[in-house]
Each structure stands twice: as C-alpha cells, then as structure tokens.
C-alpha cells in the first residue's frame, strides 16, 4: 500500500509538458537551429529570479511517411525528476497550431535524459496510461489577441510581432490525493520570420490545491539564436517508461 500511495502522491505533483513548451512546437525550424531564452519568475513578496532554457531541433527521420523532427528543451525537470535534463519530443515537422496545443498527444516519443540516472523514454501509450492514472486533463489555446500586432524591443531590436492570447487549464486528480488545478493566462509575441517564432511571452500562473492557492508571474524573452552545423551524436533512448521508475529512479 505504501508504494501505491507514494506513486499517487508523485502523480499529483507531476509537471506534465508545461503549456509554455507548446508555443514553440508550431512551425518548427530546420534541423540545427537553436535559441536561448531568459525566464523571469516573480512570486508575491519575493524577488524576481532568472533562469535560462535552450531550445534546439534535430532531424527525426520519417514519421508515418512524413518528415519528423526532435524538439529539445533543456535544462528542465520532467515527471518528478530531481535533476534537470534534456526533454525531447519527436514531432511531425509540419505540426499545426492545434497539434502544438496538444503537445503530449502529438509526440510519437518523449525522451528525457537525466544527467545522473541516464535517459528513458515514453510512447503515446505510456502517456495515455499515465494521464488516466493521474486524472490528468489539459487544454491549451493560442488565439489572436484584440490587439493583433505590436512592436516590442527584443535584445535592443524592435520586432513587429503577432500578438496572441495564451490560455491553459490543467487538472491533476489521482485517487486519494488532493486535486490540483493549474491555470495559465498570458500573451505570446510571435515573429514567424524567426526560427522558433516566439520573441516573448508573459503569463500569470495560478495553482489551486485544496484550500492552498499560489500565484506566479513569468516572462520569457529571446536572448540569442543560431544554427549548429555539427552533426549531432546518436540519441540514446535508454530505458522504457515504467510507473515504478517514477518512484525509485527519479
């Protein structure tokens, strides 16, 4: 019984594919492209903190007779991992906005490389099984804002961007564990002439768990971008996903 309760508690804290990663999956650039972003986080009564993430893409071969690409986000945590590592999604090259909004369901494989415990991967069947056990539901939308376009400064350069409204609702409700609801609302500024499109994003994040409510403001801003012409090393897919791995090898 104790391992089961530990698993359920872990599932309640699972940070499944944050909505912000889906905003990068639409109109993926050519293999080799990369970009770094600053993420500023502000909680009420606390100083703002900053971290950096790197996005990159590499060739993914063919997926159901169509070109595929690996989208990598790093360093991030995944499914309760204690260490930050590289999180990769194998996606169709021509993924639509609707497909990007359903990032977990669109991925043919999800690969996480833990810097200490090594790589492991998930299939769509694993995602469906985990979502069922965790009582996981998620909806993401990205739609034109009332102010359709806006010029914003990014890295000291004015950028004429499409202004989009972002909303995300996530529910994690496994048995015997307090239900958690996460609500994201904000704005994304896109310039589709640039590799990953996203120039900046700002959103508020509200987490509700029982009678506990926490809020946080986040700002994601493009810092640098480029293209790596070096052939990437082969991917190590590591172990297959298992529920017990979440408990004992995270």
Protein backbone atom coordinates (compact mmCIF):
# COMPACT_ATOMS: atom_id res chain seq x y z
CA UNK A 1 0.00 0.00 0.00
CA UNK A 2 2.84 2.41 0.83
CA UNK A 3 4.39 2.26 -2.69
CA UNK A 4 0.93 2.88 -4.19
CA UNK A 5 0.39 5.96 -2.03
CA UNK A 6 3.88 7.20 -2.90
CA UNK A 7 3.07 6.80 -6.60
CA UNK A 8 -0.23 8.66 -6.27
CA UNK A 9 1.44 11.50 -4.37
CA UNK A 10 4.08 11.74 -7.10
CA UNK A 11 1.45 11.79 -9.83
CA UNK A 12 -0.26 14.69 -8.08
CA UNK A 13 2.97 16.68 -8.37
CA UNK A 14 3.74 15.68 -11.96
CA UNK A 15 4.66 18.64 -14.14
CA UNK A 16 3.42 17.33 -17.49
CA UNK A 17 4.57 19.25 -20.59
CA UNK A 18 4.12 22.76 -19.40
CA UNK A 19 1.90 24.85 -21.63
CA UNK A 20 4.78 27.15 -22.48
CA UNK A 21 6.63 24.41 -24.39
CA UNK A 22 3.68 24.02 -26.76
CA UNK A 23 4.11 27.60 -28.03
CA UNK A 24 7.41 26.54 -29.64
CA UNK A 25 6.10 23.41 -31.41
CA UNK A 26 4.22 25.21 -34.17
CA UNK A 27 6.15 25.76 -37.43
CA UNK A 28 9.33 24.11 -36.24
CA UNK A 29 12.54 25.39 -37.88
CA UNK A 30 15.13 23.41 -39.82
CA UNK A 31 17.37 20.91 -38.06
CA UNK A 32 20.31 22.54 -36.34
CA UNK A 33 18.51 25.70 -35.30
CA UNK A 34 18.74 26.71 -31.64
CA UNK A 35 17.64 29.55 -29.40
CA UNK A 36 18.11 30.53 -25.77
CA UNK A 37 15.51 32.27 -23.62
CA UNK A 38 15.54 34.02 -20.28
CA UNK A 39 12.70 33.13 -17.90
CA UNK A 40 11.95 35.68 -15.18
CA UNK A 41 9.79 34.38 -12.31
CA UNK A 42 8.11 36.60 -9.74
CA UNK A 43 6.13 35.39 -6.72
CA UNK A 44 4.21 37.77 -4.43
CA UNK A 45 6.52 39.26 -1.83
CA UNK A 46 9.65 37.66 -3.28
CA UNK A 47 12.42 38.99 -5.55
CA UNK A 48 12.39 38.07 -9.23
CA UNK A 49 14.59 35.12 -10.19
CA UNK A 50 16.01 34.29 -13.61
CA UNK A 51 16.90 31.07 -15.40
CA UNK A 52 17.87 30.17 -18.97
CA UNK A 53 16.49 27.48 -21.26
CA UNK A 54 17.78 26.34 -24.63
CA UNK A 55 15.62 25.05 -27.46
CA UNK A 56 17.02 23.16 -30.42
CA UNK A 57 15.87 20.89 -33.22
CA UNK A 58 17.44 17.90 -34.93
CA UNK A 59 16.31 15.61 -37.73
CA UNK A 60 13.88 12.92 -36.66
CA UNK A 61 13.72 10.86 -39.85
CA UNK A 62 10.29 9.86 -41.15
CA UNK A 63 7.18 9.56 -39.03
CA UNK A 64 4.19 7.88 -40.66
CA UNK A 65 5.72 8.63 -44.08
CA UNK A 66 6.19 12.32 -43.23
CA UNK A 67 9.32 14.23 -42.12
CA UNK A 68 9.78 14.39 -38.35
CA UNK A 69 11.94 16.45 -36.04
CA UNK A 70 13.12 16.30 -32.44
CA UNK A 71 12.32 19.39 -30.38
CA UNK A 72 14.62 19.66 -27.34
CA UNK A 73 14.04 21.86 -24.29
CA UNK A 74 16.79 21.98 -21.66
CA UNK A 75 17.51 22.03 -18.81
CA UNK A 76 14.11 21.19 -17.32
CA UNK A 77 12.62 18.70 -14.88
CA UNK A 78 10.21 16.02 -16.07
CA UNK A 79 7.72 13.81 -14.23
CA UNK A 80 9.05 14.49 -10.76
CA UNK A 81 12.73 14.20 -11.69
CA UNK A 82 15.10 15.59 -9.07
CA UNK A 83 17.61 16.68 -11.70
CA UNK A 84 17.17 18.97 -14.69
CA UNK A 85 17.97 17.45 -18.06
CA UNK A 86 17.13 17.47 -21.77
CA UNK A 87 13.48 16.86 -22.64
CA UNK A 88 12.84 15.85 -26.27
CA UNK A 89 9.62 15.48 -28.26
CA UNK A 90 9.54 13.59 -31.58
CA UNK A 91 7.04 15.57 -33.66
CA UNK A 92 5.81 15.95 -37.24
CA UNK A 93 7.82 18.65 -39.00
CA UNK A 94 4.66 20.44 -40.18
CA UNK A 95 2.83 20.36 -36.83
CA UNK A 96 -0.18 22.69 -36.83
CA UNK A 97 -1.16 25.06 -34.04
CA UNK A 98 -3.86 22.61 -32.97
CA UNK A 99 -1.28 19.81 -32.83
CA UNK A 100 1.17 22.00 -30.91
CA UNK A 101 -1.53 22.80 -28.36
CA UNK A 102 -1.76 19.04 -27.74
CA UNK A 103 1.97 18.52 -27.44
CA UNK A 104 1.87 15.31 -25.38
CA UNK A 105 -0.62 13.66 -27.70
CA UNK A 106 1.23 14.81 -30.84
CA UNK A 107 4.60 13.36 -29.79
CA UNK A 108 5.47 9.95 -31.24
CA UNK A 109 8.05 9.62 -28.45
CA UNK A 110 9.12 11.64 -25.41
CA UNK A 111 12.74 11.20 -24.33
CA UNK A 112 14.18 12.57 -21.09
CA UNK A 113 17.90 12.44 -20.35
CA UNK A 114 18.59 12.65 -16.62
CA UNK A 115 22.21 13.85 -16.15
CA UNK A 116 22.72 11.41 -13.24
CA UNK A 117 20.44 8.44 -13.92
CA UNK A 118 20.56 8.38 -17.70
CA UNK A 119 17.92 8.50 -20.44
CA UNK A 120 14.45 6.96 -20.57
CA UNK A 121 11.57 7.32 -22.99
CA UNK A 122 7.78 7.24 -23.26
CA UNK A 123 5.42 6.19 -26.05
CA UNK A 124 1.93 7.61 -26.73
CA UNK A 125 0.51 4.55 -24.96
CA UNK A 126 2.59 5.37 -21.87
CA UNK A 127 1.33 8.96 -21.92
CA UNK A 128 -2.30 7.81 -22.15
CA UNK A 129 -1.84 5.32 -19.32
CA UNK A 130 -0.16 7.87 -17.05
CA UNK A 131 -2.78 10.52 -17.81
CA UNK A 132 -5.53 8.05 -16.88
CA UNK A 133 -3.92 7.09 -13.57
CA UNK A 134 -3.15 10.72 -12.68
CA UNK A 135 -6.58 12.01 -13.64
CA UNK A 136 -4.70 14.35 -15.97
CA UNK A 137 -6.62 16.74 -18.23
CA UNK A 138 -5.18 19.63 -20.18
CA UNK A 139 -6.41 22.18 -22.70
CA UNK A 140 -4.20 24.81 -24.35
CA UNK A 141 -5.33 27.58 -26.66
CA UNK A 142 -3.38 30.18 -28.62
CA UNK A 143 -5.57 32.68 -30.44
CA UNK A 144 -5.26 36.20 -31.92
CA UNK A 145 -5.48 38.92 -29.29
CA UNK A 146 -7.69 42.00 -29.67
CA UNK A 147 -4.51 43.93 -30.45
CA UNK A 148 -3.46 41.87 -33.47
CA UNK A 149 0.11 43.22 -33.87
CA UNK A 150 2.58 45.05 -31.69
CA UNK A 151 6.20 46.19 -31.92
CA UNK A 152 8.28 45.16 -28.90
CA UNK A 153 12.01 45.52 -28.12
CA UNK A 154 13.88 42.20 -28.06
CA UNK A 155 17.61 42.33 -27.44
CA UNK A 156 17.59 46.04 -28.21
CA UNK A 157 15.95 45.47 -31.61
CA UNK A 158 12.33 46.48 -32.34
CA UNK A 159 10.32 43.46 -33.51
CA UNK A 160 6.96 43.69 -35.25
CA UNK A 161 5.09 40.71 -33.80
CA UNK A 162 1.78 38.98 -34.00
CA UNK A 163 0.15 39.21 -30.58
CA UNK A 164 -1.56 36.02 -29.39
CA UNK A 165 -3.60 35.21 -26.29
CA UNK A 166 -2.45 32.10 -24.42
CA UNK A 167 -4.66 30.12 -22.04
CA UNK A 168 -4.05 26.76 -20.41
CA UNK A 169 -6.06 24.71 -17.93
CA UNK A 170 -4.51 21.63 -16.34
CA UNK A 171 -6.12 19.27 -13.83
CA UNK A 172 -4.26 16.52 -11.96
CA UNK A 173 -6.70 14.43 -9.92
CA UNK A 174 -5.41 10.95 -8.94
CA UNK A 175 -7.36 8.90 -6.37
CA UNK A 176 -6.71 9.50 -2.64
CA UNK A 177 -4.74 12.69 -3.38
CA UNK A 178 -5.90 16.31 -3.36
CA UNK A 179 -6.93 17.56 -6.78
CA UNK A 180 -4.69 20.23 -8.33
CA UNK A 181 -5.72 22.79 -10.94
CA UNK A 182 -3.18 24.97 -12.78
CA UNK A 183 -4.38 27.96 -14.81
CA UNK A 184 -2.13 29.93 -17.16
CA UNK A 185 -3.20 33.13 -18.88
CA UNK A 186 -1.00 35.46 -20.85
CA UNK A 187 0.28 36.88 -24.14
CA UNK A 188 2.71 35.48 -26.73
CA UNK A 189 4.51 37.71 -29.23
CA UNK A 190 5.44 35.83 -32.43
CA UNK A 191 7.58 36.78 -35.42
CA UNK A 192 7.33 33.90 -37.86
CA UNK A 193 10.35 35.15 -39.82
CA UNK A 194 12.50 33.92 -36.90
CA UNK A 195 13.43 30.24 -36.29
CA UNK A 196 11.20 29.43 -33.30
CA UNK A 197 8.78 32.29 -33.83
CA UNK A 198 8.45 33.25 -30.17
CA UNK A 199 10.05 36.58 -29.32
CA UNK A 200 8.49 36.99 -25.89
CA UNK A 201 5.73 35.58 -23.69
CA UNK A 202 4.22 36.84 -20.45
CA UNK A 203 1.75 34.95 -18.32
CA UNK A 204 0.29 34.53 -14.86
CA UNK A 205 0.26 31.07 -13.34
CA UNK A 206 -2.26 30.09 -10.65
CA UNK A 207 -2.12 26.75 -8.84
CA UNK A 208 -5.07 25.59 -6.73
CA UNK A 209 -4.70 22.54 -4.47
CA UNK A 210 -7.42 22.14 -1.89
CA UNK A 211 -7.53 25.41 0.07
CA UNK A 212 -4.00 26.36 -0.99
CA UNK A 213 -3.64 28.87 -3.81
CA UNK A 214 -0.30 30.06 -5.18
CA UNK A 215 0.39 32.55 -7.95
CA UNK A 216 3.41 33.42 -10.04
CA UNK A 217 4.19 35.80 -12.89
CA UNK A 218 6.57 34.70 -15.66
CA UNK A 219 8.23 36.46 -18.58
CA UNK A 220 10.07 34.52 -21.29
CA UNK A 221 12.32 36.56 -23.61
CA UNK A 222 14.53 35.57 -26.55
CA UNK A 223 18.24 36.05 -25.75
CA UNK A 224 20.12 34.53 -28.70
CA UNK A 225 19.64 32.20 -31.66
CA UNK A 226 21.70 30.49 -34.32
CA UNK A 227 22.37 27.29 -36.24
CA UNK A 228 24.71 24.43 -35.35
CA UNK A 229 26.10 22.74 -38.47
CA UNK A 230 27.85 19.99 -36.46
CA UNK A 231 26.22 16.55 -36.94
CA UNK A 232 24.60 15.62 -33.60
CA UNK A 233 25.62 12.36 -31.88
CA UNK A 234 23.20 9.41 -31.97
CA UNK A 235 20.37 9.60 -29.43
CA UNK A 236 20.45 7.19 -26.52
CA UNK A 237 16.81 6.31 -25.80
CA UNK A 238 17.69 4.44 -22.62
CA UNK A 239 15.13 2.56 -20.57
CA UNK A 240 11.45 2.19 -21.30
CA UNK A 241 8.99 4.07 -19.11
CA UNK A 242 7.51 2.36 -16.06
CA UNK A 243 5.41 3.63 -13.17
CA UNK A 244 7.83 2.28 -10.60
CA UNK A 245 10.70 4.15 -12.22
CA UNK A 246 8.93 7.37 -11.25
CA UNK A 247 9.22 6.36 -7.59
CA UNK A 248 12.57 4.62 -7.35
CA UNK A 249 14.70 6.18 -10.12
CA UNK A 250 13.60 9.79 -10.37
